[in-house]
Every structure is written in C-alpha cells, then in structure tokens.
N, C-alpha and C. Protein backbone atom coordinates (compact mmCIF):
# COMPACT_ATOMS: atom_id res chain seq x y z
N THR A 1 80.89 179.94 128.57
CA THR A 1 80.15 179.20 129.56
C THR A 1 79.73 177.86 128.98
N THR A 2 79.96 176.79 129.70
CA THR A 2 79.51 175.46 129.25
C THR A 2 78.75 174.79 130.37
N SER A 3 77.83 173.92 129.99
CA SER A 3 77.10 173.11 130.96
C SER A 3 76.71 171.81 130.29
N GLU A 4 76.26 170.87 131.11
CA GLU A 4 75.93 169.54 130.60
C GLU A 4 74.70 169.02 131.31
N LEU A 5 73.86 168.28 130.59
CA LEU A 5 72.67 167.67 131.14
C LEU A 5 72.61 166.23 130.66
N THR A 6 72.38 165.28 131.57
CA THR A 6 72.25 163.87 131.21
C THR A 6 70.88 163.38 131.63
N THR A 7 70.17 162.74 130.70
CA THR A 7 68.85 162.20 131.00
C THR A 7 68.98 160.86 131.72
N GLY A 8 67.89 160.38 132.26
CA GLY A 8 67.80 159.00 132.68
C GLY A 8 67.51 158.13 131.47
N ASP A 9 67.42 156.82 131.66
CA ASP A 9 67.08 155.94 130.56
C ASP A 9 65.63 156.13 130.16
N PHE A 10 65.36 156.08 128.85
CA PHE A 10 63.98 156.08 128.37
C PHE A 10 63.86 155.07 127.25
N GLY A 11 62.69 154.43 127.18
CA GLY A 11 62.44 153.40 126.17
C GLY A 11 61.47 152.38 126.71
N ASP A 12 61.56 151.15 126.19
CA ASP A 12 60.64 150.08 126.53
C ASP A 12 61.35 148.75 126.34
N GLN A 13 61.31 147.87 127.34
CA GLN A 13 61.99 146.59 127.25
C GLN A 13 61.31 145.64 126.25
N ARG A 14 60.00 145.82 126.05
CA ARG A 14 59.27 144.90 125.18
C ARG A 14 59.30 145.28 123.71
N ARG A 15 59.56 146.55 123.41
CA ARG A 15 59.52 147.01 122.02
C ARG A 15 60.73 147.87 121.69
N LEU A 16 61.18 147.77 120.46
CA LEU A 16 62.25 148.63 119.99
C LEU A 16 61.71 150.02 119.68
N SER A 17 62.54 151.02 119.84
CA SER A 17 62.20 152.38 119.46
C SER A 17 63.25 152.88 118.49
N MET A 18 62.82 153.69 117.52
CA MET A 18 63.76 154.36 116.63
C MET A 18 63.80 155.83 117.03
N LEU A 19 64.97 156.27 117.46
CA LEU A 19 65.19 157.66 117.84
C LEU A 19 65.66 158.41 116.60
N ARG A 20 64.93 159.50 116.24
CA ARG A 20 65.24 160.24 115.02
C ARG A 20 65.76 161.64 115.28
N GLN A 21 65.14 162.35 116.22
CA GLN A 21 65.55 163.73 116.46
C GLN A 21 65.31 164.11 117.91
N VAL A 22 66.12 165.04 118.35
CA VAL A 22 65.90 165.72 119.63
C VAL A 22 65.90 167.20 119.31
N LEU A 23 64.85 167.89 119.74
CA LEU A 23 64.74 169.33 119.49
C LEU A 23 64.82 170.05 120.83
N PRO A 24 66.02 170.51 121.22
CA PRO A 24 66.17 171.22 122.49
C PRO A 24 65.55 172.61 122.39
N THR A 25 64.99 173.07 123.49
CA THR A 25 64.39 174.41 123.54
C THR A 25 65.07 175.22 124.63
N CYS A 26 65.51 176.39 124.24
CA CYS A 26 66.06 177.35 125.19
C CYS A 26 65.18 178.59 125.17
N HIS A 27 65.16 179.31 126.26
CA HIS A 27 64.40 180.56 126.34
C HIS A 27 64.89 181.49 125.22
N ASP A 28 63.96 182.15 124.53
CA ASP A 28 64.30 182.96 123.36
C ASP A 28 65.44 183.94 123.59
N ALA A 29 65.47 184.56 124.75
CA ALA A 29 66.50 185.56 125.02
C ALA A 29 67.84 184.93 125.40
N GLN A 30 67.85 183.64 125.66
CA GLN A 30 69.06 182.97 126.14
C GLN A 30 69.32 181.69 125.34
N GLU A 31 69.63 181.81 124.07
CA GLU A 31 69.93 180.66 123.23
C GLU A 31 71.39 180.23 123.40
N ALA A 32 71.63 178.93 123.45
CA ALA A 32 73.00 178.42 123.49
C ALA A 32 73.65 178.66 122.13
N SER A 33 74.94 178.92 122.12
CA SER A 33 75.64 179.13 120.85
C SER A 33 75.96 177.80 120.17
N ALA A 34 76.02 176.71 120.92
CA ALA A 34 76.26 175.38 120.36
C ALA A 34 75.72 174.32 121.32
N ILE A 35 75.19 173.25 120.75
CA ILE A 35 74.71 172.11 121.55
C ILE A 35 75.21 170.83 120.88
N THR A 36 75.79 169.95 121.66
CA THR A 36 76.22 168.64 121.17
C THR A 36 75.48 167.58 121.97
N LEU A 37 74.94 166.59 121.28
CA LEU A 37 74.22 165.48 121.90
C LEU A 37 75.03 164.21 121.74
N THR A 38 75.26 163.51 122.84
CA THR A 38 75.83 162.17 122.81
C THR A 38 74.73 161.21 123.23
N VAL A 39 74.33 160.33 122.32
CA VAL A 39 73.29 159.34 122.61
C VAL A 39 73.97 158.04 123.00
N GLN A 40 73.50 157.45 124.09
CA GLN A 40 73.94 156.13 124.50
C GLN A 40 72.72 155.21 124.42
N TYR A 41 72.95 153.95 124.11
CA TYR A 41 71.83 153.01 123.97
C TYR A 41 72.23 151.63 124.48
N ARG A 42 71.20 150.83 124.78
CA ARG A 42 71.41 149.44 125.18
C ARG A 42 70.11 148.68 124.99
N ASP A 43 70.22 147.36 124.87
CA ASP A 43 69.04 146.54 124.60
C ASP A 43 68.36 146.03 125.86
N ARG A 44 69.01 146.14 127.01
CA ARG A 44 68.34 145.76 128.26
C ARG A 44 68.96 146.53 129.41
N ILE A 45 68.13 146.81 130.40
CA ILE A 45 68.61 147.49 131.60
C ILE A 45 69.66 146.60 132.25
N GLY A 46 70.75 147.18 132.67
CA GLY A 46 71.83 146.42 133.28
C GLY A 46 72.96 146.13 132.31
N ALA A 47 72.67 146.17 130.99
CA ALA A 47 73.71 145.97 129.99
C ALA A 47 74.55 147.24 129.89
N ALA A 48 75.75 147.10 129.40
CA ALA A 48 76.63 148.25 129.21
C ALA A 48 76.05 149.18 128.14
N LEU A 49 76.22 150.48 128.35
CA LEU A 49 75.78 151.47 127.36
C LEU A 49 76.79 151.55 126.22
N THR A 50 76.28 151.74 125.01
CA THR A 50 77.12 151.94 123.83
C THR A 50 76.91 153.37 123.35
N ASN A 51 78.00 154.06 123.00
CA ASN A 51 77.89 155.44 122.50
C ASN A 51 77.57 155.46 121.02
N HIS A 52 76.59 156.27 120.65
CA HIS A 52 76.31 156.60 119.26
C HIS A 52 77.18 157.81 118.94
N ALA A 53 77.41 158.10 117.69
CA ALA A 53 78.22 159.26 117.31
C ALA A 53 77.64 160.55 117.89
N ASN A 54 78.50 161.51 118.20
CA ASN A 54 78.04 162.82 118.67
C ASN A 54 77.28 163.52 117.56
N VAL A 55 76.23 164.25 117.94
CA VAL A 55 75.38 164.95 116.99
C VAL A 55 75.37 166.43 117.37
N THR A 56 75.51 167.31 116.37
CA THR A 56 75.45 168.75 116.62
C THR A 56 74.21 169.33 115.95
N LEU A 57 73.84 170.54 116.35
CA LEU A 57 72.66 171.20 115.79
C LEU A 57 72.80 171.38 114.28
N ASP A 58 71.71 171.07 113.56
CA ASP A 58 71.70 171.33 112.12
C ASP A 58 71.17 172.75 111.89
N THR A 59 70.96 173.12 110.65
CA THR A 59 70.52 174.48 110.32
C THR A 59 69.11 174.80 110.80
N MET A 60 68.33 173.76 111.15
CA MET A 60 66.97 173.94 111.67
C MET A 60 66.93 173.83 113.19
N ASN A 61 68.12 173.86 113.85
CA ASN A 61 68.24 173.73 115.31
C ASN A 61 67.72 172.41 115.83
N ARG A 62 67.97 171.34 115.07
CA ARG A 62 67.59 169.98 115.48
C ARG A 62 68.86 169.15 115.66
N LEU A 63 68.76 168.17 116.52
CA LEU A 63 69.82 167.18 116.69
C LEU A 63 69.27 165.91 116.03
N SER A 64 69.72 165.62 114.80
CA SER A 64 69.14 164.54 114.00
C SER A 64 70.04 163.31 113.97
N LEU A 65 69.44 162.14 114.08
CA LEU A 65 70.16 160.88 114.06
C LEU A 65 69.16 159.77 113.76
N LEU A 66 69.65 158.58 113.50
CA LEU A 66 68.81 157.38 113.39
C LEU A 66 69.47 156.29 114.20
N ARG A 67 68.77 155.79 115.22
CA ARG A 67 69.29 154.71 116.07
C ARG A 67 68.10 153.94 116.60
N THR A 68 68.15 152.62 116.49
CA THR A 68 67.10 151.76 117.03
C THR A 68 67.65 150.97 118.20
N SER A 69 66.90 150.94 119.30
CA SER A 69 67.28 150.18 120.48
C SER A 69 66.09 150.10 121.42
N HIS A 70 66.28 149.40 122.53
CA HIS A 70 65.24 149.35 123.56
C HIS A 70 65.35 150.53 124.52
N TRP A 71 66.57 150.91 124.87
CA TRP A 71 66.79 151.94 125.89
C TRP A 71 67.78 152.98 125.38
N PHE A 72 67.51 154.23 125.69
CA PHE A 72 68.37 155.35 125.32
C PHE A 72 68.69 156.21 126.53
N ARG A 73 69.79 156.90 126.43
CA ARG A 73 70.17 157.93 127.40
C ARG A 73 70.86 159.02 126.60
N GLY A 74 70.63 160.27 126.95
CA GLY A 74 71.24 161.36 126.21
C GLY A 74 72.02 162.29 127.11
N ARG A 75 73.13 162.81 126.57
CA ARG A 75 73.91 163.82 127.28
C ARG A 75 74.06 165.01 126.34
N MET A 76 73.52 166.15 126.76
CA MET A 76 73.63 167.37 125.97
C MET A 76 74.67 168.28 126.60
N GLN A 77 75.56 168.78 125.78
CA GLN A 77 76.58 169.72 126.22
C GLN A 77 76.28 171.07 125.54
N PHE A 78 76.12 172.10 126.35
CA PHE A 78 75.75 173.43 125.88
C PHE A 78 76.96 174.35 125.97
N THR A 79 77.12 175.21 124.98
CA THR A 79 78.13 176.25 124.99
C THR A 79 77.43 177.59 124.86
N GLY A 80 77.83 178.54 125.67
CA GLY A 80 77.24 179.87 125.63
C GLY A 80 76.24 180.07 126.76
N ASN A 81 75.94 181.32 127.02
CA ASN A 81 74.96 181.68 128.04
C ASN A 81 73.58 181.27 127.55
N HIS A 82 72.85 180.47 128.31
CA HIS A 82 71.56 179.95 127.84
C HIS A 82 70.65 179.64 129.01
N GLU A 83 69.38 179.48 128.70
CA GLU A 83 68.39 179.02 129.68
C GLU A 83 67.63 177.87 129.04
N TYR A 84 67.99 176.64 129.42
CA TYR A 84 67.38 175.43 128.85
C TYR A 84 65.97 175.26 129.40
N VAL A 85 65.00 175.00 128.51
CA VAL A 85 63.60 174.83 128.90
C VAL A 85 63.19 173.36 128.85
N GLY A 86 63.58 172.64 127.81
CA GLY A 86 63.20 171.24 127.66
C GLY A 86 63.52 170.77 126.25
N SER A 87 63.12 169.54 125.94
CA SER A 87 63.37 168.97 124.62
C SER A 87 62.17 168.18 124.15
N TYR A 88 61.93 168.22 122.85
CA TYR A 88 60.98 167.33 122.21
C TYR A 88 61.79 166.19 121.63
N VAL A 89 61.38 164.95 121.89
CA VAL A 89 62.09 163.77 121.39
C VAL A 89 61.21 163.10 120.35
N ASP A 90 61.71 162.94 119.14
CA ASP A 90 61.01 162.28 118.04
C ASP A 90 61.48 160.84 117.98
N ALA A 91 60.64 159.91 118.46
CA ALA A 91 60.97 158.49 118.47
C ALA A 91 59.71 157.70 118.17
N ASP A 92 59.87 156.58 117.46
CA ASP A 92 58.75 155.69 117.14
C ASP A 92 59.04 154.30 117.65
N MET A 93 57.98 153.65 118.14
CA MET A 93 58.07 152.23 118.47
C MET A 93 58.08 151.46 117.17
N THR A 94 59.03 150.56 116.98
CA THR A 94 59.18 149.87 115.69
C THR A 94 58.73 148.42 115.73
N GLY A 95 58.39 147.89 116.89
CA GLY A 95 57.91 146.51 116.93
C GLY A 95 58.45 145.71 118.08
N ALA A 96 58.00 144.49 118.20
CA ALA A 96 58.42 143.61 119.29
C ALA A 96 59.84 143.15 119.07
N TRP A 97 60.52 142.79 120.12
CA TRP A 97 61.90 142.31 120.01
C TRP A 97 61.89 140.86 119.69
C-alpha cells in the first residue's frame, strides 16, 4: 500500500528559515514501513519550486536535512499500511533577506 501527502507552502517572505528535520507521526498500531520526503523550496511566492534531494527515515525515525529558503513545500510518500497523525517540523528563522 502506498500513499502521498503534499503540504501547502510554509515560511516567511521577510525572513529566511532553515529546515532541519521533519518528524512524521503515525498511530502506534499503524506505522508506515517506509517514508520518503521530497522538499521543494523557493525564495518568493510565484517563483518556480526547486527540488531538494529526497530524504528517507533515519534510525531515529526522522527525516533529516539542511536547507535554507523563504518558502518550503513537502511531499511525503508512505509505503505500508499506516495511519498518519501529523508531523513536527524543526525549522529556525535565520535572519532578514
């Protein structure tokens, strides 16, 4: 079984953000067997999105990366029977553009 979820854009036009990790949460009884995250980013709304490298779960069940931009969008692809609950996103504002 596979499924996919794509977020809307998140970020801030006035300040850069550094995206470090995404921690997806699935219901304990229904964990996905694999999750791949494709991060897209851009410096202004309306600009073309650029793909960051695909990221897979590490041994701590985190999707870890380092990318700085104004705007991000994520696409998670799940493999296996699962019940997705949500994600914690670890990102910091790094300063004015």
